[in-house]
Amino acid sequence: MSIKINNYEDIKNIKIVSRIVHEMLNYISFFIKPGVTTGYLNDVCYNRIINYYKAYPASLGYMDYPKSICTSVNDVVCHGIPSYKTILKKGDIINIDISICKNNYYSDASKMYFVGEPNKLSIKLCKVTYNSILKALKYIKPGNKINLIGKAIQNYIDKFNYSIVKDYCGHGIGKKLHEEPHILHYINNCDLIFKEGMIFTIEPIINLGTFKTKIMKDGWTVKTVDKSLSAQYEHTILVTNNGYEILT
C-alpha cells in the first residue's frame, strides 16, 4: 500500500482548496430553508465554485455522478443526488457534501444542516455525530496507529445505542479525490501508522437505527434500510509533526 506523504507545496495547495470547501459549506447555509429544492442548492454551489473561486466541483462527473454536490436528506445515508423534485420541509435534516478541485488538488468535507426548527432527536444525533470526530482527533499524531480513530468513534457512539455505517469510510486525499489509506470509523485491526504529511478525511455516518444500508435505483443514493435518520460530518485532516490540523 502506497500512502502519500505530502510535501510543503502539496500541503500549501491542499490548504487553499480546503479553505474554499470550508467557505462553501458556510455559504450554502444561507440558502437552506423550507420550500427550497436540493437541485437549487446544487446550482448555487456550482455557480459559486466555478465563477467565484475559479475551481471545479470534484463530484461532477466522478464515476458518472451527475451533480456538483451530494444532498442527503433524513434517512439518506450518503450520495444523495440533488433534484428539483426534492423539496426541503420544516424539520428535515440534510447533509451537504462538497468536494472541490483547484490547481489539480482536492479537498472534501460535509456538514449537517437543520431545515427550520429541528426536533430533539435530530439535534442529538447530529451533535453526537460531530462529537465522535472530536473524540478521534486527539489520537492523531505521528507514531499512533490509524485504527485508534475507529476505536475512539465506536467507543463513543456505543454509549448512545446508535449505529455506525460500515459500508463507507474516510480516505486519503490530495492529488486525487480518493487515495490510500482507508479510514474506518469502527473498531478494526488496521496497523498503519500516522506519519507527518499524511492528509485524509474522517467522515463517520451515524444512524439512529440499524447500520444496514441500501442503494437506490439511481445507483448512487444510499438509504437506511429501516428508514431511520442518518447524520454525517466530514473534515479533511493533516497530520503535523506533533498532532493534526483540520484543513476544512
C-alpha atoms as a PDB file:
ATOM      1  CA  MET A   1       0.000   0.000   0.000  1.00  0.00           C
ATOM      2  CA  SER A   2       1.429   3.351  -1.087  1.00  0.00           C
ATOM      3  CA  ILE A   3       0.396   6.226   1.182  1.00  0.00           C
ATOM      4  CA  LYS A   4       1.271   9.735   0.050  1.00  0.00           C
ATOM      5  CA  ILE A   5       3.386  11.874   2.362  1.00  0.00           C
ATOM      6  CA  ASN A   6       2.695  15.414   1.203  1.00  0.00           C
ATOM      7  CA  ASN A   7       5.475  17.973   0.862  1.00  0.00           C
ATOM      8  CA  TYR A   8       5.294  21.706   1.541  1.00  0.00           C
ATOM      9  CA  GLU A   9       3.957  22.529  -1.939  1.00  0.00           C
ATOM     10  CA  ASP A  10       1.279  19.825  -1.736  1.00  0.00           C
ATOM     11  CA  ILE A  11       0.141  20.981   1.695  1.00  0.00           C
ATOM     12  CA  LYS A  12       0.013  24.621   0.614  1.00  0.00           C
ATOM     13  CA  ASN A  13      -2.245  23.808  -2.337  1.00  0.00           C
ATOM     14  CA  ILE A  14      -4.480  21.428  -0.384  1.00  0.00           C
ATOM     15  CA  LYS A  15      -4.921  24.137   2.243  1.00  0.00           C
ATOM     16  CA  ILE A  16      -6.035  26.573  -0.472  1.00  0.00           C
ATOM     17  CA  VAL A  17      -8.745  24.279  -1.822  1.00  0.00           C
ATOM     18  CA  SER A  18      -9.732  23.197   1.709  1.00  0.00           C
ATOM     19  CA  ARG A  19     -10.408  26.810   2.583  1.00  0.00           C
ATOM     20  CA  ILE A  20     -12.772  27.015  -0.387  1.00  0.00           C
ATOM     21  CA  VAL A  21     -14.626  23.890   0.753  1.00  0.00           C
ATOM     22  CA  HIS A  22     -14.956  25.361   4.249  1.00  0.00           C
ATOM     23  CA  GLU A  23     -16.280  28.652   2.913  1.00  0.00           C
ATOM     24  CA  MET A  24     -18.758  26.885   0.614  1.00  0.00           C
ATOM     25  CA  LEU A  25     -20.214  24.881   3.500  1.00  0.00           C
ATOM     26  CA  ASN A  26     -20.776  28.146   5.353  1.00  0.00           C
ATOM     27  CA  TYR A  27     -22.115  29.945   2.268  1.00  0.00           C
ATOM     28  CA  ILE A  28     -24.734  27.338   1.371  1.00  0.00           C
ATOM     29  CA  SER A  29     -26.249  27.526   4.863  1.00  0.00           C
ATOM     30  CA  PHE A  30     -27.923  30.837   3.939  1.00  0.00           C
ATOM     31  CA  PHE A  31     -29.982  29.089   1.246  1.00  0.00           C
ATOM     32  CA  ILE A  32     -31.266  26.137   3.282  1.00  0.00           C
ATOM     33  CA  LYS A  33     -34.905  26.655   4.294  1.00  0.00           C
ATOM     34  CA  PRO A  34     -38.329  25.035   3.846  1.00  0.00           C
ATOM     35  CA  GLY A  35     -39.526  25.081   0.244  1.00  0.00           C
ATOM     36  CA  VAL A  36     -36.055  25.075  -1.333  1.00  0.00           C
ATOM     37  CA  THR A  37     -35.135  22.182  -3.619  1.00  0.00           C
ATOM     38  CA  THR A  38     -31.855  20.307  -3.400  1.00  0.00           C
ATOM     39  CA  GLY A  39     -31.495  20.960  -7.124  1.00  0.00           C
ATOM     40  CA  TYR A  40     -31.411  24.681  -6.402  1.00  0.00           C
ATOM     41  CA  LEU A  41     -28.756  24.174  -3.712  1.00  0.00           C
ATOM     42  CA  ASN A  42     -26.680  22.300  -6.272  1.00  0.00           C
ATOM     43  CA  ASP A  43     -26.968  25.206  -8.729  1.00  0.00           C
ATOM     44  CA  VAL A  44     -25.906  27.703  -6.070  1.00  0.00           C
ATOM     45  CA  CYS A  45     -22.804  25.675  -5.272  1.00  0.00           C
ATOM     46  CA  TYR A  46     -21.891  25.015  -8.900  1.00  0.00           C
ATOM     47  CA  ASN A  47     -22.112  28.672  -9.888  1.00  0.00           C
ATOM     48  CA  ARG A  48     -20.058  29.929  -6.935  1.00  0.00           C
ATOM     49  CA  ILE A  49     -17.373  27.247  -7.199  1.00  0.00           C
ATOM     50  CA  ILE A  50     -16.942  27.832 -10.927  1.00  0.00           C
ATOM     51  CA  ASN A  51     -17.418  31.597 -11.221  1.00  0.00           C
ATOM     52  CA  TYR A  52     -16.207  32.980  -7.884  1.00  0.00           C
ATOM     53  CA  TYR A  53     -13.478  30.539  -6.866  1.00  0.00           C
ATOM     54  CA  LYS A  54     -12.414  29.523 -10.400  1.00  0.00           C
ATOM     55  CA  ALA A  55     -12.359  25.936  -9.172  1.00  0.00           C
ATOM     56  CA  TYR A  56     -14.258  22.769 -10.097  1.00  0.00           C
ATOM     57  CA  PRO A  57     -16.775  20.631  -8.166  1.00  0.00           C
ATOM     58  CA  ALA A  58     -14.916  17.333  -7.908  1.00  0.00           C
ATOM     59  CA  SER A  59     -18.019  15.149  -7.656  1.00  0.00           C
ATOM     60  CA  LEU A  60     -19.397  16.360 -11.014  1.00  0.00           C
ATOM     61  CA  GLY A  61     -18.682  13.566 -13.463  1.00  0.00           C
ATOM     62  CA  TYR A  62     -16.799  11.449 -10.918  1.00  0.00           C
ATOM     63  CA  MET A  63     -17.676   7.867 -11.913  1.00  0.00           C
ATOM     64  CA  ASP A  64     -20.552   9.491 -13.840  1.00  0.00           C
ATOM     65  CA  TYR A  65     -22.047  11.174 -10.777  1.00  0.00           C
ATOM     66  CA  PRO A  66     -24.369  13.793 -12.333  1.00  0.00           C
ATOM     67  CA  LYS A  67     -24.238  16.740  -9.892  1.00  0.00           C
ATOM     68  CA  SER A  68     -21.816  19.108  -8.149  1.00  0.00           C
ATOM     69  CA  ILE A  69     -22.644  18.238  -4.517  1.00  0.00           C
ATOM     70  CA  CYS A  70     -24.305  15.430  -2.578  1.00  0.00           C
ATOM     71  CA  THR A  71     -27.501  16.268  -0.678  1.00  0.00           C
ATOM     72  CA  SER A  72     -28.579  13.561   1.765  1.00  0.00           C
ATOM     73  CA  VAL A  73     -31.901  14.242   3.495  1.00  0.00           C
ATOM     74  CA  ASN A  74     -33.220  12.450   6.631  1.00  0.00           C
ATOM     75  CA  ASP A  75     -32.812   8.694   6.016  1.00  0.00           C
ATOM     76  CA  VAL A  76     -30.382   9.176   3.134  1.00  0.00           C
ATOM     77  CA  VAL A  77     -27.004   7.967   4.390  1.00  0.00           C
ATOM     78  CA  CYS A  78     -24.843   9.492   1.643  1.00  0.00           C
ATOM     79  CA  HIS A  79     -24.519  10.301  -2.068  1.00  0.00           C
ATOM     80  CA  GLY A  80     -27.994  11.786  -2.393  1.00  0.00           C
ATOM     81  CA  ILE A  81     -28.386  13.286  -5.880  1.00  0.00           C
ATOM     82  CA  PRO A  82     -29.732  16.870  -5.885  1.00  0.00           C
ATOM     83  CA  SER A  83     -33.093  17.210  -7.616  1.00  0.00           C
ATOM     84  CA  TYR A  84     -35.672  19.891  -8.320  1.00  0.00           C
ATOM     85  CA  LYS A  85     -38.238  17.331  -7.143  1.00  0.00           C
ATOM     86  CA  THR A  86     -36.724  17.059  -3.660  1.00  0.00           C
ATOM     87  CA  ILE A  87     -38.267  19.918  -1.673  1.00  0.00           C
ATOM     88  CA  LEU A  88     -36.946  20.564   1.831  1.00  0.00           C
ATOM     89  CA  LYS A  89     -39.547  20.583   4.592  1.00  0.00           C
ATOM     90  CA  LYS A  90     -39.553  22.062   8.072  1.00  0.00           C
ATOM     91  CA  GLY A  91     -37.920  19.598  10.449  1.00  0.00           C
ATOM     92  CA  ASP A  92     -35.748  17.894   7.823  1.00  0.00           C
ATOM     93  CA  ILE A  93     -32.052  17.340   8.359  1.00  0.00           C
ATOM     94  CA  ILE A  94     -29.707  17.435   5.390  1.00  0.00           C
ATOM     95  CA  ASN A  95     -26.075  16.593   4.849  1.00  0.00           C
ATOM     96  CA  ILE A  96     -24.302  18.564   2.157  1.00  0.00           C
ATOM     97  CA  ASP A  97     -21.054  17.031   0.919  1.00  0.00           C
ATOM     98  CA  ILE A  98     -18.777  19.301  -1.094  1.00  0.00           C
ATOM     99  CA  SER A  99     -15.565  18.203  -2.784  1.00  0.00           C
ATOM    100  CA  ILE A 100     -13.581  20.674  -4.856  1.00  0.00           C
ATOM    101  CA  CYS A 101     -10.579  20.576  -7.174  1.00  0.00           C
ATOM    102  CA  LYS A 102      -8.341  23.619  -7.716  1.00  0.00           C
ATOM    103  CA  ASN A 103      -4.872  23.652  -9.271  1.00  0.00           C
ATOM    104  CA  ASN A 104      -5.133  19.846  -9.532  1.00  0.00           C
ATOM    105  CA  TYR A 105      -5.504  19.421  -5.763  1.00  0.00           C
ATOM    106  CA  TYR A 106      -8.581  18.151  -3.918  1.00  0.00           C
ATOM    107  CA  SER A 107     -10.371  18.665  -0.626  1.00  0.00           C
ATOM    108  CA  ASP A 108     -13.585  17.198   0.740  1.00  0.00           C
ATOM    109  CA  ALA A 109     -15.916  17.933   3.667  1.00  0.00           C
ATOM    110  CA  SER A 110     -19.555  17.688   4.658  1.00  0.00           C
ATOM    111  CA  LYS A 111     -21.873  19.133   7.264  1.00  0.00           C
ATOM    112  CA  MET A 112     -25.359  18.644   8.673  1.00  0.00           C
ATOM    113  CA  TYR A 113     -27.982  21.393   8.476  1.00  0.00           C
ATOM    114  CA  PHE A 114     -31.403  21.791  10.055  1.00  0.00           C
ATOM    115  CA  VAL A 115     -34.333  22.880   7.905  1.00  0.00           C
ATOM    116  CA  GLY A 116     -36.460  25.170  10.029  1.00  0.00           C
ATOM    117  CA  GLU A 117     -36.908  24.077  13.632  1.00  0.00           C
ATOM    118  CA  PRO A 118     -35.322  20.652  14.329  1.00  0.00           C
ATOM    119  CA  ASN A 119     -36.629  18.100  16.811  1.00  0.00           C
ATOM    120  CA  LYS A 120     -34.639  16.856  19.804  1.00  0.00           C
ATOM    121  CA  LEU A 121     -33.789  13.508  18.199  1.00  0.00           C
ATOM    122  CA  SER A 122     -32.248  15.235  15.196  1.00  0.00           C
ATOM    123  CA  ILE A 123     -30.304  17.701  17.325  1.00  0.00           C
ATOM    124  CA  LYS A 124     -28.856  14.936  19.493  1.00  0.00           C
ATOM    125  CA  LEU A 125     -27.957  12.688  16.555  1.00  0.00           C
ATOM    126  CA  CYS A 126     -26.104  15.489  14.769  1.00  0.00           C
ATOM    127  CA  LYS A 127     -24.323  16.640  17.921  1.00  0.00           C
ATOM    128  CA  VAL A 128     -23.173  13.123  18.793  1.00  0.00           C
ATOM    129  CA  THR A 129     -22.010  12.503  15.219  1.00  0.00           C
ATOM    130  CA  TYR A 130     -19.834  15.614  15.188  1.00  0.00           C
ATOM    131  CA  ASN A 131     -18.537  14.936  18.678  1.00  0.00           C
ATOM    132  CA  SER A 132     -17.402  11.491  17.551  1.00  0.00           C
ATOM    133  CA  ILE A 133     -14.915  13.177  15.213  1.00  0.00           C
ATOM    134  CA  LEU A 134     -13.653  15.339  18.055  1.00  0.00           C
ATOM    135  CA  LYS A 135     -13.115  12.201  20.162  1.00  0.00           C
ATOM    136  CA  ALA A 136     -10.994  10.693  17.386  1.00  0.00           C
ATOM    137  CA  LEU A 137      -8.888  13.769  16.651  1.00  0.00           C
ATOM    138  CA  LYS A 138      -6.885  13.607  19.868  1.00  0.00           C
ATOM    139  CA  TYR A 139      -5.330  10.306  18.752  1.00  0.00           C
ATOM    140  CA  ILE A 140      -3.961  11.723  15.515  1.00  0.00           C
ATOM    141  CA  LYS A 141      -0.197  12.240  15.761  1.00  0.00           C
ATOM    142  CA  PRO A 142       2.873  10.641  14.205  1.00  0.00           C
ATOM    143  CA  GLY A 143       3.546   7.179  15.614  1.00  0.00           C
ATOM    144  CA  ASN A 144      -0.006   6.339  16.637  1.00  0.00           C
ATOM    145  CA  LYS A 145      -1.989   3.663  14.823  1.00  0.00           C
ATOM    146  CA  ILE A 146      -4.688   4.778  12.398  1.00  0.00           C
ATOM    147  CA  ASN A 147      -7.124   2.283  13.910  1.00  0.00           C
ATOM    148  CA  LEU A 148      -7.358   4.463  17.025  1.00  0.00           C
ATOM    149  CA  ILE A 149      -9.783   6.622  15.010  1.00  0.00           C
ATOM    150  CA  GLY A 150     -12.285   3.803  14.642  1.00  0.00           C
ATOM    151  CA  LYS A 151     -11.837   2.689  18.231  1.00  0.00           C
ATOM    152  CA  ALA A 152     -12.482   6.188  19.597  1.00  0.00           C
ATOM    153  CA  ILE A 153     -15.555   6.701  17.426  1.00  0.00           C
ATOM    154  CA  GLN A 154     -17.154   3.342  18.211  1.00  0.00           C
ATOM    155  CA  ASN A 155     -16.472   3.569  21.943  1.00  0.00           C
ATOM    156  CA  TYR A 156     -18.219   6.939  21.960  1.00  0.00           C
ATOM    157  CA  ILE A 157     -21.149   6.050  19.679  1.00  0.00           C
ATOM    158  CA  ASP A 158     -21.913   2.834  21.567  1.00  0.00           C
ATOM    159  CA  LYS A 159     -22.822   4.913  24.622  1.00  0.00           C
ATOM    160  CA  PHE A 160     -25.857   6.244  22.759  1.00  0.00           C
ATOM    161  CA  ASN A 161     -27.010   2.975  21.169  1.00  0.00           C
ATOM    162  CA  TYR A 162     -26.607   4.488  17.706  1.00  0.00           C
ATOM    163  CA  SER A 163     -25.025   2.504  14.875  1.00  0.00           C
ATOM    164  CA  ILE A 164     -22.024   3.231  12.630  1.00  0.00           C
ATOM    165  CA  VAL A 165     -22.385   2.648   8.893  1.00  0.00           C
ATOM    166  CA  LYS A 166     -19.643   0.230   7.824  1.00  0.00           C
ATOM    167  CA  ASP A 167     -20.115   0.362   4.054  1.00  0.00           C
ATOM    168  CA  TYR A 168     -18.378   3.739   3.628  1.00  0.00           C
ATOM    169  CA  CYS A 169     -15.190   5.171   5.062  1.00  0.00           C
ATOM    170  CA  GLY A 170     -12.777   8.084   5.096  1.00  0.00           C
ATOM    171  CA  HIS A 171      -9.912   8.236   2.650  1.00  0.00           C
ATOM    172  CA  GLY A 172      -6.624   9.801   1.744  1.00  0.00           C
ATOM    173  CA  ILE A 173      -6.924  12.898  -0.433  1.00  0.00           C
ATOM    174  CA  GLY A 174      -4.600  15.262  -2.291  1.00  0.00           C
ATOM    175  CA  LYS A 175      -3.808  14.986  -5.986  1.00  0.00           C
ATOM    176  CA  LYS A 176      -6.715  12.561  -6.251  1.00  0.00           C
ATOM    177  CA  LEU A 177     -10.141  12.714  -4.640  1.00  0.00           C
ATOM    178  CA  HIS A 178      -9.710   9.246  -3.154  1.00  0.00           C
ATOM    179  CA  GLU A 179      -6.311   7.894  -2.140  1.00  0.00           C
ATOM    180  CA  GLU A 180      -4.948   5.442   0.411  1.00  0.00           C
ATOM    181  CA  PRO A 181      -5.417   4.880   3.292  1.00  0.00           C
ATOM    182  CA  HIS A 182      -8.987   3.865   4.068  1.00  0.00           C
ATOM    183  CA  ILE A 183     -10.122   5.403   7.372  1.00  0.00           C
ATOM    184  CA  LEU A 184     -12.569   3.072   9.123  1.00  0.00           C
ATOM    185  CA  HIS A 185     -14.926   4.543  11.715  1.00  0.00           C
ATOM    186  CA  TYR A 186     -15.392   1.411  13.815  1.00  0.00           C
ATOM    187  CA  ILE A 187     -13.068  -0.907  15.734  1.00  0.00           C
ATOM    188  CA  ASN A 188     -10.668  -2.579  13.277  1.00  0.00           C
ATOM    189  CA  ASN A 189      -7.234  -4.177  13.007  1.00  0.00           C
ATOM    190  CA  CYS A 190      -5.518  -1.741  10.633  1.00  0.00           C
ATOM    191  CA  ASP A 191      -1.909  -1.442  11.817  1.00  0.00           C
ATOM    192  CA  LEU A 192      -0.869   1.521   9.660  1.00  0.00           C
ATOM    193  CA  ILE A 193       0.844   4.365  11.487  1.00  0.00           C
ATOM    194  CA  PHE A 194       0.204   8.114  11.244  1.00  0.00           C
ATOM    195  CA  LYS A 195       3.090   9.986   9.628  1.00  0.00           C
ATOM    196  CA  GLU A 196       3.677  13.717   9.328  1.00  0.00           C
ATOM    197  CA  GLY A 197       2.396  14.965   5.977  1.00  0.00           C
ATOM    198  CA  MET A 198      -0.448  12.480   5.595  1.00  0.00           C
ATOM    199  CA  ILE A 199      -3.791  14.037   4.603  1.00  0.00           C
ATOM    200  CA  PHE A 200      -7.090  12.172   4.822  1.00  0.00           C
ATOM    201  CA  THR A 201     -10.774  12.577   5.629  1.00  0.00           C
ATOM    202  CA  ILE A 202     -12.685  11.472   8.707  1.00  0.00           C
ATOM    203  CA  GLU A 203     -16.392  11.137   7.899  1.00  0.00           C
ATOM    204  CA  PRO A 204     -18.411   8.883  10.210  1.00  0.00           C
ATOM    205  CA  ILE A 205     -22.014   8.157   9.262  1.00  0.00           C
ATOM    206  CA  ILE A 206     -24.193   7.522  12.306  1.00  0.00           C
ATOM    207  CA  ASN A 207     -27.727   6.102  12.244  1.00  0.00           C
ATOM    208  CA  LEU A 208     -30.499   6.198  14.826  1.00  0.00           C
ATOM    209  CA  GLY A 209     -31.402   2.631  13.883  1.00  0.00           C
ATOM    210  CA  THR A 210     -29.536  -0.173  12.144  1.00  0.00           C
ATOM    211  CA  PHE A 211     -26.208   0.347  10.362  1.00  0.00           C
ATOM    212  CA  LYS A 212     -27.525  -1.548   7.335  1.00  0.00           C
ATOM    213  CA  THR A 213     -27.995   0.404   4.118  1.00  0.00           C
ATOM    214  CA  LYS A 214     -29.412   0.007   0.620  1.00  0.00           C
ATOM    215  CA  ILE A 215     -28.549   1.659  -2.696  1.00  0.00           C
ATOM    216  CA  MET A 216     -31.488   3.092  -4.609  1.00  0.00           C
ATOM    217  CA  LYS A 217     -32.292   2.570  -8.298  1.00  0.00           C
ATOM    218  CA  ASP A 218     -30.339   5.672  -9.353  1.00  0.00           C
ATOM    219  CA  GLY A 219     -27.162   3.776  -8.433  1.00  0.00           C
ATOM    220  CA  TRP A 220     -25.952   6.450  -6.013  1.00  0.00           C
ATOM    221  CA  THR A 221     -28.429   7.362  -3.285  1.00  0.00           C
ATOM    222  CA  VAL A 222     -27.834   5.283  -0.150  1.00  0.00           C
ATOM    223  CA  LYS A 223     -30.570   4.962   2.494  1.00  0.00           C
ATOM    224  CA  THR A 224     -31.003   3.255   5.850  1.00  0.00           C
ATOM    225  CA  VAL A 225     -32.914   0.009   5.409  1.00  0.00           C
ATOM    226  CA  ASP A 226     -35.192   0.817   8.361  1.00  0.00           C
ATOM    227  CA  LYS A 227     -35.815   4.439   7.261  1.00  0.00           C
ATOM    228  CA  SER A 228     -34.157   5.764  10.426  1.00  0.00           C
ATOM    229  CA  LEU A 229     -32.420   9.142  10.449  1.00  0.00           C
ATOM    230  CA  SER A 230     -28.770   9.322   9.485  1.00  0.00           C
ATOM    231  CA  ALA A 231     -26.144  12.010  10.078  1.00  0.00           C
ATOM    232  CA  GLN A 232     -22.619  12.601   8.826  1.00  0.00           C
ATOM    233  CA  TYR A 233     -19.864  15.163   9.213  1.00  0.00           C
ATOM    234  CA  GLU A 234     -16.578  15.172   7.350  1.00  0.00           C
ATOM    235  CA  HIS A 235     -13.273  17.019   7.663  1.00  0.00           C
ATOM    236  CA  THR A 236     -10.032  16.892   5.724  1.00  0.00           C
ATOM    237  CA  ILE A 237      -7.189  16.421   8.218  1.00  0.00           C
ATOM    238  CA  LEU A 238      -3.416  16.980   8.027  1.00  0.00           C
ATOM    239  CA  VAL A 239      -1.019  15.076  10.275  1.00  0.00           C
ATOM    240  CA  THR A 240       1.528  17.577  11.638  1.00  0.00           C
ATOM    241  CA  ASN A 241       4.837  16.976  13.431  1.00  0.00           C
ATOM    242  CA  ASN A 242       3.117  16.808  16.828  1.00  0.00           C
ATOM    243  CA  GLY A 243      -0.576  16.294  16.119  1.00  0.00           C
ATOM    244  CA  TYR A 244      -3.100  17.346  13.487  1.00  0.00           C
ATOM    245  CA  GLU A 245      -4.654  20.321  11.693  1.00  0.00           C
ATOM    246  CA  ILE A 246      -8.249  20.479  10.486  1.00  0.00           C
ATOM    247  CA  LEU A 247      -7.991  21.905   6.962  1.00  0.00           C
ATOM    248  CA  THR A 248     -11.713  22.297   6.347  1.00  0.00           C
END
